[in-house]
C-alpha atoms as a PDB file:
ATOM      1  CA  MET A   1       1.070   3.592 -15.652  1.00  0.00           C
ATOM      2  CA  GLU A   2       1.923   3.527 -19.100  1.00  0.00           C
ATOM      3  CA  LEU A   3      -0.660   2.812 -22.103  1.00  0.00           C
ATOM      4  CA  ASN A   4       0.929  -1.146 -23.071  1.00  0.00           C
ATOM      5  CA  GLU A   5       1.029  -1.896 -19.218  1.00  0.00           C
ATOM      6  CA  LEU A   6      -2.599  -1.273 -19.264  1.00  0.00           C
ATOM      7  CA  VAL A   7      -3.264  -3.163 -22.569  1.00  0.00           C
ATOM      8  CA  ARG A   8      -1.082  -5.679 -21.322  1.00  0.00           C
ATOM      9  CA  SER A   9      -3.371  -6.307 -18.408  1.00  0.00           C
ATOM     10  CA  ARG A  10      -6.562  -5.814 -20.086  1.00  0.00           C
ATOM     11  CA  ILE A  11      -5.520  -8.681 -22.446  1.00  0.00           C
ATOM     12  CA  ASN A  12      -4.926 -10.806 -19.327  1.00  0.00           C
ATOM     13  CA  TYR A  13      -8.308  -9.818 -17.344  1.00  0.00           C
ATOM     14  CA  ILE A  14      -9.748 -10.594 -20.933  1.00  0.00           C
ATOM     15  CA  CYS A  15      -8.413 -14.292 -21.219  1.00  0.00           C
ATOM     16  CA  ALA A  16      -9.442 -15.235 -17.890  1.00  0.00           C
ATOM     17  CA  ALA A  17     -13.058 -13.563 -18.141  1.00  0.00           C
ATOM     18  CA  TYR A  18     -13.430 -15.761 -21.377  1.00  0.00           C
ATOM     19  CA  ASP A  19     -11.353 -18.847 -19.550  1.00  0.00           C
ATOM     20  CA  LEU A  20      -8.617 -18.529 -22.589  1.00  0.00           C
ATOM     21  CA  THR A  21      -4.945 -19.069 -22.586  1.00  0.00           C
ATOM     22  CA  LEU A  22      -3.604 -16.670 -24.863  1.00  0.00           C
ATOM     23  CA  ASN A  23      -2.661 -19.424 -27.435  1.00  0.00           C
ATOM     24  CA  ALA A  24      -6.714 -20.199 -27.467  1.00  0.00           C
ATOM     25  CA  LEU A  25      -7.257 -16.388 -27.976  1.00  0.00           C
ATOM     26  CA  CYS A  26      -5.279 -16.077 -30.687  1.00  0.00           C
ATOM     27  CA  VAL A  27      -7.063 -19.217 -32.290  1.00  0.00           C
ATOM     28  CA  LYS A  28     -10.439 -17.880 -31.957  1.00  0.00           C
ATOM     29  CA  CYS A  29      -8.794 -14.429 -33.026  1.00  0.00           C
ATOM     30  CA  ASP A  30      -7.087 -15.307 -36.061  1.00  0.00           C
ATOM     31  CA  ILE A  31      -3.863 -13.532 -34.495  1.00  0.00           C
ATOM     32  CA  PRO A  32      -0.831 -15.257 -35.185  1.00  0.00           C
ATOM     33  CA  VAL A  33       0.554 -16.507 -31.673  1.00  0.00           C
ATOM     34  CA  SER A  34       3.731 -14.974 -31.707  1.00  0.00           C
ATOM     35  CA  THR A  35       2.416 -11.664 -32.323  1.00  0.00           C
ATOM     36  CA  LEU A  36       0.643 -11.683 -29.252  1.00  0.00           C
ATOM     37  CA  ARG A  37       3.016 -13.512 -27.407  1.00  0.00           C
ATOM     38  CA  HIS A  38       5.804 -11.227 -28.152  1.00  0.00           C
ATOM     39  CA  TYR A  39       3.696  -8.390 -27.357  1.00  0.00           C
ATOM     40  CA  MET A  40       2.808  -9.602 -23.866  1.00  0.00           C
ATOM     41  CA  ASP A  41       6.326 -10.896 -22.955  1.00  0.00           C
ATOM     42  CA  GLY A  42       7.693  -7.098 -23.822  1.00  0.00           C
ATOM     43  CA  TYR A  43       9.721  -7.975 -26.867  1.00  0.00           C
ATOM     44  CA  ARG A  44       7.363  -5.977 -28.952  1.00  0.00           C
ATOM     45  CA  LYS A  45       6.932  -2.595 -27.130  1.00  0.00           C
ATOM     46  CA  GLU A  46       3.735  -1.455 -28.651  1.00  0.00           C
ATOM     47  CA  ILE A  47       0.175  -3.418 -29.996  1.00  0.00           C
ATOM     48  CA  LYS A  48      -1.142  -2.536 -33.341  1.00  0.00           C
ATOM     49  CA  LEU A  49      -4.881  -1.074 -33.618  1.00  0.00           C
ATOM     50  CA  ARG A  50      -5.324  -4.149 -36.191  1.00  0.00           C
ATOM     51  CA  THR A  51      -4.567  -6.746 -33.542  1.00  0.00           C
ATOM     52  CA  ILE A  52      -6.755  -5.166 -30.704  1.00  0.00           C
ATOM     53  CA  LEU A  53      -9.563  -4.955 -33.230  1.00  0.00           C
ATOM     54  CA  ARG A  54      -9.075  -8.521 -33.930  1.00  0.00           C
ATOM     55  CA  ILE A  55      -9.423  -9.658 -30.175  1.00  0.00           C
ATOM     56  CA  CYS A  56     -12.500  -7.859 -30.289  1.00  0.00           C
ATOM     57  CA  ARG A  57     -14.458  -9.149 -33.198  1.00  0.00           C
ATOM     58  CA  GLY A  58     -13.371 -12.557 -32.339  1.00  0.00           C
ATOM     59  CA  LEU A  59     -14.847 -12.263 -28.815  1.00  0.00           C
ATOM     60  CA  GLY A  60     -17.889 -10.017 -30.138  1.00  0.00           C
ATOM     61  CA  LEU A  61     -16.571  -7.437 -28.114  1.00  0.00           C
ATOM     62  CA  THR A  62     -16.798  -3.270 -28.858  1.00  0.00           C
ATOM     63  CA  PRO A  63     -13.539  -1.601 -28.426  1.00  0.00           C
ATOM     64  CA  ASN A  64     -14.965   0.278 -25.351  1.00  0.00           C
ATOM     65  CA  GLU A  65     -15.664  -2.908 -23.657  1.00  0.00           C
ATOM     66  CA  PHE A  66     -11.948  -3.976 -24.468  1.00  0.00           C
ATOM     67  CA  PHE A  67     -10.558  -1.067 -23.177  1.00  0.00           C
ATOM     68  CA  GLY A  68     -13.157  -0.823 -20.179  1.00  0.00           C
ATOM     69  CA  PRO A  69     -14.058   1.937 -17.867  1.00  0.00           C
ATOM     70  CA  GLU A  70     -10.713   1.949 -15.786  1.00  0.00           C
ATOM     71  CA  LEU A  71      -8.784   2.612 -19.047  1.00  0.00           C
ATOM     72  CA  ILE A  72     -11.108   5.579 -20.727  1.00  0.00           C
ATOM     73  CA  ASP A  73     -11.939   6.745 -17.551  1.00  0.00           C
ATOM     74  CA  ASN A  74      -7.975   7.663 -16.317  1.00  0.00           C
ATOM     75  CA  LEU A  75      -6.765   8.499 -19.946  1.00  0.00           C
ATOM     76  CA  GLU A  76      -4.996  11.773 -18.286  1.00  0.00           C
ATOM     77  CA  ASN A  77      -3.172   9.624 -16.094  1.00  0.00           C
ATOM     78  CA  ILE A  78      -1.392   7.609 -18.672  1.00  0.00           C
ATOM     79  CA  LYS A  79       2.279   8.620 -19.150  1.00  0.00           C
ATOM     80  CA  ASP A  80       2.795   7.788 -22.363  1.00  0.00           C
ATOM     81  CA  LEU A  81      -0.313   9.246 -24.277  1.00  0.00           C
END
């Protein structure tokens, strides 16, 4: 699996866990909707670390909590690192 697929999956998981739509996540985390929408739709291939950190701050998560153990424990299986 590729890193961006895992990050997209994690963002979807976080939205579901916090009962947020993508738009609500953007508002809560002070991220332009178009920025996250373009990334989630695949129009933008990579997400900036700044965007991930804004999500973390907006939801009170640490970066480790954002990425979760499934991503951190499987770094060696990620194709595009």
